[in-house]
C-alpha atoms as a PDB file:
ATOM      1  CA  MET A   1     -36.383  -3.127  10.008  1.00  0.00           C
ATOM      2  CA  SER A   2     -34.137  -4.134  12.877  1.00  0.00           C
ATOM      3  CA  ASN A   3     -30.649  -2.728  13.414  1.00  0.00           C
ATOM      4  CA  THR A   4     -29.284  -6.220  12.843  1.00  0.00           C
ATOM      5  CA  SER A   5     -30.919  -6.372   9.403  1.00  0.00           C
ATOM      6  CA  LEU A   6     -29.596  -2.916   8.557  1.00  0.00           C
ATOM      7  CA  ASP A   7     -26.059  -3.824   9.582  1.00  0.00           C
ATOM      8  CA  LYS A   8     -26.164  -7.049   7.587  1.00  0.00           C
ATOM      9  CA  HIS A   9     -27.297  -5.192   4.479  1.00  0.00           C
ATOM     10  CA  ARG A  10     -24.759  -2.429   4.962  1.00  0.00           C
ATOM     11  CA  TYR A  11     -21.726  -4.676   5.014  1.00  0.00           C
ATOM     12  CA  GLN A  12     -22.536  -6.998   2.144  1.00  0.00           C
ATOM     13  CA  VAL A  13     -20.097  -7.043  -0.779  1.00  0.00           C
ATOM     14  CA  LYS A  14     -22.424  -7.565  -3.707  1.00  0.00           C
ATOM     15  CA  THR A  15     -20.756  -5.918  -6.707  1.00  0.00           C
ATOM     16  CA  VAL A  16     -17.165  -5.805  -7.903  1.00  0.00           C
ATOM     17  CA  VAL A  17     -15.864  -3.804 -10.851  1.00  0.00           C
ATOM     18  CA  ILE A  18     -12.808  -5.268 -12.555  1.00  0.00           C
ATOM     19  CA  ASP A  19     -10.806  -2.804 -14.601  1.00  0.00           C
ATOM     20  CA  ALA A  20      -8.354  -4.045 -17.218  1.00  0.00           C
ATOM     21  CA  GLY A  21      -5.852  -1.218 -17.609  1.00  0.00           C
ATOM     22  CA  HIS A  22      -5.309   0.586 -20.895  1.00  0.00           C
ATOM     23  CA  GLY A  23      -6.820  -0.748 -24.156  1.00  0.00           C
ATOM     24  CA  GLY A  24      -7.426   0.287 -27.755  1.00  0.00           C
ATOM     25  CA  LYS A  25      -5.028   3.017 -28.844  1.00  0.00           C
ATOM     26  CA  ASP A  26      -3.419   2.876 -25.384  1.00  0.00           C
ATOM     27  CA  ASN A  27      -1.052  -0.100 -25.237  1.00  0.00           C
ATOM     28  CA  GLY A  28       0.317   0.671 -21.798  1.00  0.00           C
ATOM     29  CA  THR A  29       3.820  -0.653 -21.274  1.00  0.00           C
ATOM     30  CA  SER A  30       5.258  -3.558 -23.208  1.00  0.00           C
ATOM     31  CA  GLY A  31       7.779  -6.363 -23.041  1.00  0.00           C
ATOM     32  CA  ASN A  32       9.646  -8.080 -25.848  1.00  0.00           C
ATOM     33  CA  LYS A  33       6.540  -9.838 -27.108  1.00  0.00           C
ATOM     34  CA  SER A  34       3.617  -8.680 -24.956  1.00  0.00           C
ATOM     35  CA  ARG A  35       1.589  -5.564 -24.343  1.00  0.00           C
ATOM     36  CA  GLU A  36       0.178  -4.501 -21.013  1.00  0.00           C
ATOM     37  CA  LYS A  37      -3.331  -3.919 -22.375  1.00  0.00           C
ATOM     38  CA  ASP A  38      -3.555  -7.553 -23.577  1.00  0.00           C
ATOM     39  CA  VAL A  39      -2.136  -9.182 -20.445  1.00  0.00           C
ATOM     40  CA  ALA A  40      -4.279  -7.046 -18.145  1.00  0.00           C
ATOM     41  CA  LEU A  41      -7.441  -7.918 -20.071  1.00  0.00           C
ATOM     42  CA  LYS A  42      -6.783 -11.662 -19.923  1.00  0.00           C
ATOM     43  CA  ILE A  43      -6.152 -11.552 -16.165  1.00  0.00           C
ATOM     44  CA  ALA A  44      -9.220  -9.372 -15.612  1.00  0.00           C
ATOM     45  CA  LEU A  45     -11.491 -11.736 -17.526  1.00  0.00           C
ATOM     46  CA  LYS A  46     -10.054 -14.757 -15.724  1.00  0.00           C
ATOM     47  CA  LEU A  47     -10.565 -13.060 -12.346  1.00  0.00           C
ATOM     48  CA  GLY A  48     -14.204 -12.348 -13.160  1.00  0.00           C
ATOM     49  CA  GLU A  49     -14.695 -15.931 -14.332  1.00  0.00           C
ATOM     50  CA  ILE A  50     -13.302 -17.327 -11.065  1.00  0.00           C
ATOM     51  CA  ILE A  51     -15.476 -15.010  -8.957  1.00  0.00           C
ATOM     52  CA  ASN A  52     -18.582 -15.987 -10.947  1.00  0.00           C
ATOM     53  CA  GLU A  53     -17.805 -19.682 -10.478  1.00  0.00           C
ATOM     54  CA  ASN A  54     -17.110 -19.527  -6.760  1.00  0.00           C
ATOM     55  CA  ILE A  55     -19.213 -16.602  -5.456  1.00  0.00           C
ATOM     56  CA  PRO A  56     -22.194 -16.470  -7.850  1.00  0.00           C
ATOM     57  CA  ASP A  57     -24.102 -13.997  -5.663  1.00  0.00           C
ATOM     58  CA  VAL A  58     -21.466 -11.329  -6.420  1.00  0.00           C
ATOM     59  CA  LYS A  59     -22.161  -9.286  -9.525  1.00  0.00           C
ATOM     60  CA  VAL A  60     -19.068  -8.858 -11.697  1.00  0.00           C
ATOM     61  CA  ILE A  61     -18.836  -5.791 -13.945  1.00  0.00           C
ATOM     62  CA  TYR A  62     -15.948  -5.047 -16.322  1.00  0.00           C
ATOM     63  CA  THR A  63     -14.817  -1.633 -17.509  1.00  0.00           C
ATOM     64  CA  ARG A  64     -13.890  -3.369 -20.751  1.00  0.00           C
ATOM     65  CA  LYS A  65     -14.179  -6.906 -22.102  1.00  0.00           C
ATOM     66  CA  GLU A  66     -12.373  -6.274 -25.353  1.00  0.00           C
ATOM     67  CA  ASP A  67      -9.515  -4.257 -26.806  1.00  0.00           C
ATOM     68  CA  LYS A  68     -10.984  -0.776 -26.630  1.00  0.00           C
ATOM     69  CA  PHE A  69     -10.000   2.594 -25.172  1.00  0.00           C
ATOM     70  CA  VAL A  70     -11.865   3.648 -22.038  1.00  0.00           C
ATOM     71  CA  GLU A  71     -11.157   7.024 -20.436  1.00  0.00           C
ATOM     72  CA  LEU A  72      -9.911   6.933 -16.857  1.00  0.00           C
ATOM     73  CA  ALA A  73     -12.846   9.032 -15.617  1.00  0.00           C
ATOM     74  CA  ASP A  74     -15.292   6.648 -17.325  1.00  0.00           C
ATOM     75  CA  ARG A  75     -13.735   3.644 -15.577  1.00  0.00           C
ATOM     76  CA  ALA A  76     -14.426   5.200 -12.194  1.00  0.00           C
ATOM     77  CA  LEU A  77     -17.864   6.306 -13.378  1.00  0.00           C
ATOM     78  CA  ILE A  78     -18.772   2.722 -14.266  1.00  0.00           C
ATOM     79  CA  ALA A  79     -17.912   1.685 -10.717  1.00  0.00           C
ATOM     80  CA  ASN A  80     -19.752   4.589  -9.119  1.00  0.00           C
ATOM     81  CA  GLN A  81     -22.913   4.278 -11.216  1.00  0.00           C
ATOM     82  CA  ASN A  82     -23.136   0.560 -10.505  1.00  0.00           C
ATOM     83  CA  HIS A  83     -22.678   1.167  -6.765  1.00  0.00           C
ATOM     84  CA  ALA A  84     -19.704  -1.170  -6.701  1.00  0.00           C
ATOM     85  CA  ASP A  85     -18.467  -2.355  -3.339  1.00  0.00           C
ATOM     86  CA  VAL A  86     -14.961  -3.021  -4.604  1.00  0.00           C
ATOM     87  CA  PHE A  87     -12.913  -1.706  -7.555  1.00  0.00           C
ATOM     88  CA  ILE A  88      -9.895  -3.682  -8.785  1.00  0.00           C
ATOM     89  CA  SER A  89      -7.705  -2.227 -11.540  1.00  0.00           C
ATOM     90  CA  ILE A  90      -5.219  -4.615 -13.161  1.00  0.00           C
ATOM     91  CA  HIS A  91      -1.960  -3.527 -14.742  1.00  0.00           C
ATOM     92  CA  CYS A  92       1.586  -4.639 -15.574  1.00  0.00           C
ATOM     93  CA  ASN A  93       4.704  -2.805 -14.503  1.00  0.00           C
ATOM     94  CA  SER A  94       7.898  -1.854 -16.311  1.00  0.00           C
ATOM     95  CA  THR A  95      11.161  -0.077 -15.670  1.00  0.00           C
ATOM     96  CA  PRO A  96      13.642   1.207 -18.269  1.00  0.00           C
ATOM     97  CA  HIS A  97      16.451   1.169 -15.742  1.00  0.00           C
ATOM     98  CA  SER A  98      16.907  -2.563 -15.219  1.00  0.00           C
ATOM     99  CA  HIS A  99      15.638  -5.816 -16.665  1.00  0.00           C
ATOM    100  CA  LYS A 100      16.285  -7.480 -13.307  1.00  0.00           C
ATOM    101  CA  VAL A 101      13.608  -5.621 -11.347  1.00  0.00           C
ATOM    102  CA  LYS A 102      10.712  -7.924 -10.585  1.00  0.00           C
ATOM    103  CA  GLY A 103       7.713  -8.414  -8.356  1.00  0.00           C
ATOM    104  CA  THR A 104       4.114  -7.451  -7.681  1.00  0.00           C
ATOM    105  CA  GLU A 105       2.862  -4.244  -6.142  1.00  0.00           C
ATOM    106  CA  THR A 106      -0.637  -3.301  -5.065  1.00  0.00           C
ATOM    107  CA  TYR A 107      -1.441   0.383  -4.818  1.00  0.00           C
ATOM    108  CA  VAL A 108      -4.052   2.392  -2.988  1.00  0.00           C
ATOM    109  CA  MET A 109      -4.878   6.038  -3.473  1.00  0.00           C
ATOM    110  CA  GLY A 110      -2.587   8.387  -1.596  1.00  0.00           C
ATOM    111  CA  LEU A 111       0.462  10.604  -1.741  1.00  0.00           C
ATOM    112  CA  HIS A 112       3.590   8.869  -3.022  1.00  0.00           C
ATOM    113  CA  THR A 113       6.315   8.377  -0.444  1.00  0.00           C
ATOM    114  CA  ASN A 114       9.193   7.961  -2.913  1.00  0.00           C
ATOM    115  CA  GLU A 115      10.112   8.663  -6.507  1.00  0.00           C
ATOM    116  CA  GLY A 116       9.576   5.067  -7.552  1.00  0.00           C
ATOM    117  CA  ASN A 117       5.913   5.187  -6.554  1.00  0.00           C
ATOM    118  CA  LEU A 118       5.523   8.542  -8.330  1.00  0.00           C
ATOM    119  CA  ASP A 119       7.090   7.143 -11.500  1.00  0.00           C
ATOM    120  CA  VAL A 120       4.580   4.261 -11.602  1.00  0.00           C
ATOM    121  CA  ALA A 121       1.623   6.619 -11.114  1.00  0.00           C
ATOM    122  CA  MET A 122       2.889   9.061 -13.716  1.00  0.00           C
ATOM    123  CA  ARG A 123       3.280   6.268 -16.284  1.00  0.00           C
ATOM    124  CA  GLU A 124      -0.188   4.849 -15.646  1.00  0.00           C
ATOM    125  CA  ASN A 125      -1.783   8.309 -15.639  1.00  0.00           C
ATOM    126  CA  GLU A 126      -0.307   9.138 -19.053  1.00  0.00           C
ATOM    127  CA  SER A 127      -3.367   7.382 -20.514  1.00  0.00           C
ATOM    128  CA  LEU A 128      -5.426  10.502 -19.951  1.00  0.00           C
ATOM    129  CA  LEU A 129      -3.219  12.442 -22.418  1.00  0.00           C
ATOM    130  CA  MET A 130      -5.016  10.439 -25.135  1.00  0.00           C
ATOM    131  CA  GLU A 131      -8.364  11.788 -23.982  1.00  0.00           C
ATOM    132  CA  ASP A 132     -10.131  14.875 -25.353  1.00  0.00           C
ATOM    133  CA  ASN A 133     -10.417  17.832 -22.959  1.00  0.00           C
ATOM    134  CA  TYR A 134      -8.517  16.010 -20.218  1.00  0.00           C
ATOM    135  CA  THR A 135      -7.527  19.285 -18.562  1.00  0.00           C
ATOM    136  CA  GLN A 136     -11.174  20.128 -17.919  1.00  0.00           C
ATOM    137  CA  THR A 137     -12.170  16.572 -17.025  1.00  0.00           C
ATOM    138  CA  TYR A 138      -9.468  16.235 -14.380  1.00  0.00           C
ATOM    139  CA  GLU A 139      -9.633  19.771 -12.974  1.00  0.00           C
ATOM    140  CA  GLY A 140      -6.332  20.942 -14.425  1.00  0.00           C
ATOM    141  CA  PHE A 141      -4.386  17.870 -13.371  1.00  0.00           C
ATOM    142  CA  ASP A 142      -1.176  17.370 -15.379  1.00  0.00           C
ATOM    143  CA  PRO A 143       0.062  13.754 -15.266  1.00  0.00           C
ATOM    144  CA  ASN A 144       3.589  14.844 -16.180  1.00  0.00           C
ATOM    145  CA  SER A 145       3.922  17.440 -13.450  1.00  0.00           C
ATOM    146  CA  PRO A 146       5.160  16.233 -10.048  1.00  0.00           C
ATOM    147  CA  GLU A 147       3.602  19.327  -8.526  1.00  0.00           C
ATOM    148  CA  SER A 148       0.153  18.189  -9.649  1.00  0.00           C
ATOM    149  CA  TYR A 149       0.469  15.163  -7.417  1.00  0.00           C
ATOM    150  CA  ILE A 150       0.591  17.358  -4.335  1.00  0.00           C
ATOM    151  CA  LEU A 151      -3.195  17.719  -4.609  1.00  0.00           C
ATOM    152  CA  PHE A 152      -3.455  14.070  -3.638  1.00  0.00           C
ATOM    153  CA  SER A 153      -1.980  14.932  -0.232  1.00  0.00           C
ATOM    154  CA  LEU A 154      -5.177  16.913   0.386  1.00  0.00           C
ATOM    155  CA  TYR A 155      -7.362  14.039  -0.718  1.00  0.00           C
ATOM    156  CA  GLN A 156      -8.698  11.963   2.167  1.00  0.00           C
ATOM    157  CA  ASN A 157     -10.348   8.826   0.884  1.00  0.00           C
ATOM    158  CA  ALA A 158     -13.050   7.584   3.257  1.00  0.00           C
ATOM    159  CA  TYR A 159     -12.288   4.069   2.053  1.00  0.00           C
ATOM    160  CA  SER A 160      -8.523   4.112   2.675  1.00  0.00           C
ATOM    161  CA  ASP A 161      -8.568   1.564   5.500  1.00  0.00           C
ATOM    162  CA  ASN A 162     -10.578  -0.992   3.534  1.00  0.00           C
ATOM    163  CA  SER A 163      -8.507  -0.363   0.406  1.00  0.00           C
ATOM    164  CA  LEU A 164      -5.318  -1.031   2.405  1.00  0.00           C
ATOM    165  CA  ASN A 165      -6.907  -4.137   3.891  1.00  0.00           C
ATOM    166  CA  LEU A 166      -7.720  -5.578   0.445  1.00  0.00           C
ATOM    167  CA  ALA A 167      -4.334  -4.566  -0.960  1.00  0.00           C
ATOM    168  CA  SER A 168      -2.551  -6.332   1.904  1.00  0.00           C
ATOM    169  CA  LYS A 169      -4.534  -9.499   1.300  1.00  0.00           C
ATOM    170  CA  ILE A 170      -3.661  -9.431  -2.409  1.00  0.00           C
ATOM    171  CA  GLU A 171       0.072  -9.096  -1.783  1.00  0.00           C
ATOM    172  CA  LYS A 172      -0.090 -11.802   0.883  1.00  0.00           C
ATOM    173  CA  GLN A 173      -1.674 -14.166  -1.629  1.00  0.00           C
ATOM    174  CA  PHE A 174       0.871 -13.318  -4.311  1.00  0.00           C
ATOM    175  CA  LYS A 175       3.724 -14.082  -1.921  1.00  0.00           C
ATOM    176  CA  SER A 176       2.414 -17.100  -0.041  1.00  0.00           C
ATOM    177  CA  ARG A 177       0.216 -18.889  -2.562  1.00  0.00           C
ATOM    178  CA  VAL A 178       1.287 -17.741  -6.021  1.00  0.00           C
ATOM    179  CA  GLY A 179       4.984 -17.707  -5.212  1.00  0.00           C
ATOM    180  CA  ARG A 180       5.670 -14.237  -6.585  1.00  0.00           C
ATOM    181  CA  HIS A 181       8.131 -11.698  -5.238  1.00  0.00           C
ATOM    182  CA  SER A 182       5.959  -9.155  -3.407  1.00  0.00           C
ATOM    183  CA  ARG A 183       7.180  -5.569  -3.392  1.00  0.00           C
ATOM    184  CA  GLY A 184       4.405  -4.734  -0.951  1.00  0.00           C
ATOM    185  CA  VAL A 185       1.475  -2.368  -0.599  1.00  0.00           C
ATOM    186  CA  LYS A 186       2.121   1.202  -1.722  1.00  0.00           C
ATOM    187  CA  GLN A 187       0.403   4.535  -2.117  1.00  0.00           C
ATOM    188  CA  ALA A 188       0.450   6.887  -5.087  1.00  0.00           C
ATOM    189  CA  GLY A 189      -1.824   9.264  -6.956  1.00  0.00           C
ATOM    190  CA  PHE A 190      -3.619   7.215  -9.583  1.00  0.00           C
ATOM    191  CA  VAL A 191      -6.359   9.140 -11.334  1.00  0.00           C
ATOM    192  CA  VAL A 192      -8.531   6.038 -11.778  1.00  0.00           C
ATOM    193  CA  LEU A 193      -8.537   5.499  -7.996  1.00  0.00           C
ATOM    194  CA  TRP A 194      -9.037   9.178  -7.228  1.00  0.00           C
ATOM    195  CA  ARG A 195     -12.495   9.187  -8.782  1.00  0.00           C
ATOM    196  CA  THR A 196     -13.865   5.970  -7.277  1.00  0.00           C
ATOM    197  CA  SER A 197     -16.272   6.020  -4.327  1.00  0.00           C
ATOM    198  CA  MET A 198     -15.553   2.622  -2.804  1.00  0.00           C
ATOM    199  CA  PRO A 199     -12.555   0.596  -1.612  1.00  0.00           C
ATOM    200  CA  SER A 200     -10.226   0.524  -4.626  1.00  0.00           C
ATOM    201  CA  VAL A 201      -6.870  -0.983  -5.497  1.00  0.00           C
ATOM    202  CA  LEU A 202      -4.565  -0.953  -8.486  1.00  0.00           C
ATOM    203  CA  VAL A 203      -2.604  -4.176  -8.940  1.00  0.00           C
ATOM    204  CA  GLU A 204       0.744  -4.201 -10.749  1.00  0.00           C
ATOM    205  CA  THR A 205       0.975  -7.906 -11.538  1.00  0.00           C
ATOM    206  CA  GLY A 206       4.655  -7.950 -12.505  1.00  0.00           C
ATOM    207  CA  PHE A 207       7.287  -6.367 -14.746  1.00  0.00           C
ATOM    208  CA  LEU A 208       7.050  -6.928 -18.479  1.00  0.00           C
ATOM    209  CA  SER A 209      10.570  -5.483 -18.665  1.00  0.00           C
ATOM    210  CA  ASN A 210      11.753  -8.588 -16.815  1.00  0.00           C
ATOM    211  CA  GLN A 211      12.043 -11.531 -19.218  1.00  0.00           C
ATOM    212  CA  ASP A 212      11.011 -14.173 -16.707  1.00  0.00           C
ATOM    213  CA  GLU A 213       8.002 -12.219 -15.442  1.00  0.00           C
ATOM    214  CA  GLU A 214       6.928 -11.371 -18.987  1.00  0.00           C
ATOM    215  CA  LYS A 215       6.983 -15.072 -19.796  1.00  0.00           C
ATOM    216  CA  PHE A 216       4.943 -15.896 -16.665  1.00  0.00           C
ATOM    217  CA  LEU A 217       2.374 -13.138 -17.270  1.00  0.00           C
ATOM    218  CA  SER A 218       1.994 -14.015 -20.950  1.00  0.00           C
ATOM    219  CA  ASP A 219       1.291 -17.641 -20.147  1.00  0.00           C
ATOM    220  CA  LYS A 220      -2.320 -18.754 -19.633  1.00  0.00           C
ATOM    221  CA  LEU A 221      -1.405 -20.702 -16.496  1.00  0.00           C
ATOM    222  CA  GLY A 222       0.516 -17.738 -15.071  1.00  0.00           C
ATOM    223  CA  GLN A 223      -2.461 -15.483 -15.708  1.00  0.00           C
ATOM    224  CA  THR A 224      -4.695 -17.987 -13.926  1.00  0.00           C
ATOM    225  CA  TYR A 225      -2.372 -18.075 -10.923  1.00  0.00           C
ATOM    226  CA  ILE A 226      -2.410 -14.277 -10.667  1.00  0.00           C
ATOM    227  CA  ALA A 227      -6.195 -14.110 -11.069  1.00  0.00           C
ATOM    228  CA  SER A 228      -6.632 -16.863  -8.454  1.00  0.00           C
ATOM    229  CA  GLY A 229      -4.468 -14.965  -6.003  1.00  0.00           C
ATOM    230  CA  ILE A 230      -6.557 -11.806  -6.426  1.00  0.00           C
ATOM    231  CA  TYR A 231      -9.730 -13.869  -6.135  1.00  0.00           C
ATOM    232  CA  ARG A 232      -8.697 -15.449  -2.829  1.00  0.00           C
ATOM    233  CA  ALA A 233      -7.837 -12.033  -1.433  1.00  0.00           C
ATOM    234  CA  PHE A 234     -11.203 -10.662  -2.573  1.00  0.00           C
ATOM    235  CA  ARG A 235     -12.984 -13.663  -1.047  1.00  0.00           C
ATOM    236  CA  ASP A 236     -11.184 -13.244   2.285  1.00  0.00           C
ATOM    237  CA  TYR A 237     -11.854  -9.509   2.262  1.00  0.00           C
ATOM    238  CA  LYS A 238     -15.561 -10.087   1.543  1.00  0.00           C
ATOM    239  CA  ASN A 239     -15.875 -12.634   4.360  1.00  0.00           C
ATOM    240  CA  GLU A 240     -14.088 -10.351   6.798  1.00  0.00           C
ATOM    241  CA  ILE A 241     -16.142  -7.255   5.955  1.00  0.00           C
ATOM    242  CA  GLU A 242     -19.427  -9.122   6.133  1.00  0.00           C
ATOM    243  CA  SER A 243     -18.557 -10.587   9.526  1.00  0.00           C
ATOM    244  CA  ILE A 244     -18.172  -7.141  11.126  1.00  0.00           C
END
């Protein structure tokens, strides 16, 4: 086989795993009328539907397609066992401090640079407290201990550059095409990203604690807009990677 053929095969994006955050006994955060697990699932399914319609040669795999609890380690395992080329985890944000805070954030694996990023990671990682034997599964990691997050400073993800690339494209789409307030690309220690072996992002699609954003994210059209923005970013990322 020629080097050209090898290179072409190496850089193809053939499989994407879409992860709807939380589920089952884990509601995630909530707004006045909505729950994160429900909103995340609807956006995840819509994203997969759009990818299937527009890029049928890409295999779409979900970590869940219904309201069920999936351990964080199992979500990453699904991606790794299926040799996914991209992992996209979908969530909703919340803050108890202010109902005015709004906007999207896309995270990649890394050490938090401020307390706000740490707070988001700690909240999302609390899901593992519902798992059996989580201390053994996650090598003694305690999601409620800020000190535990120092281990992520030692973690060098080989896919950091591509993860940042995809994350930047997602936030660009949210801002320019979907008309959302982008809070930018950020880094923090998310367990679900820690265990994945491919470019991976965690998308906070908006704040359910903000009445206007909760209304937007709970609406079918709003969910479609968000999913379409992520799709366009994924499409652009795929085209760019495969042209290298």
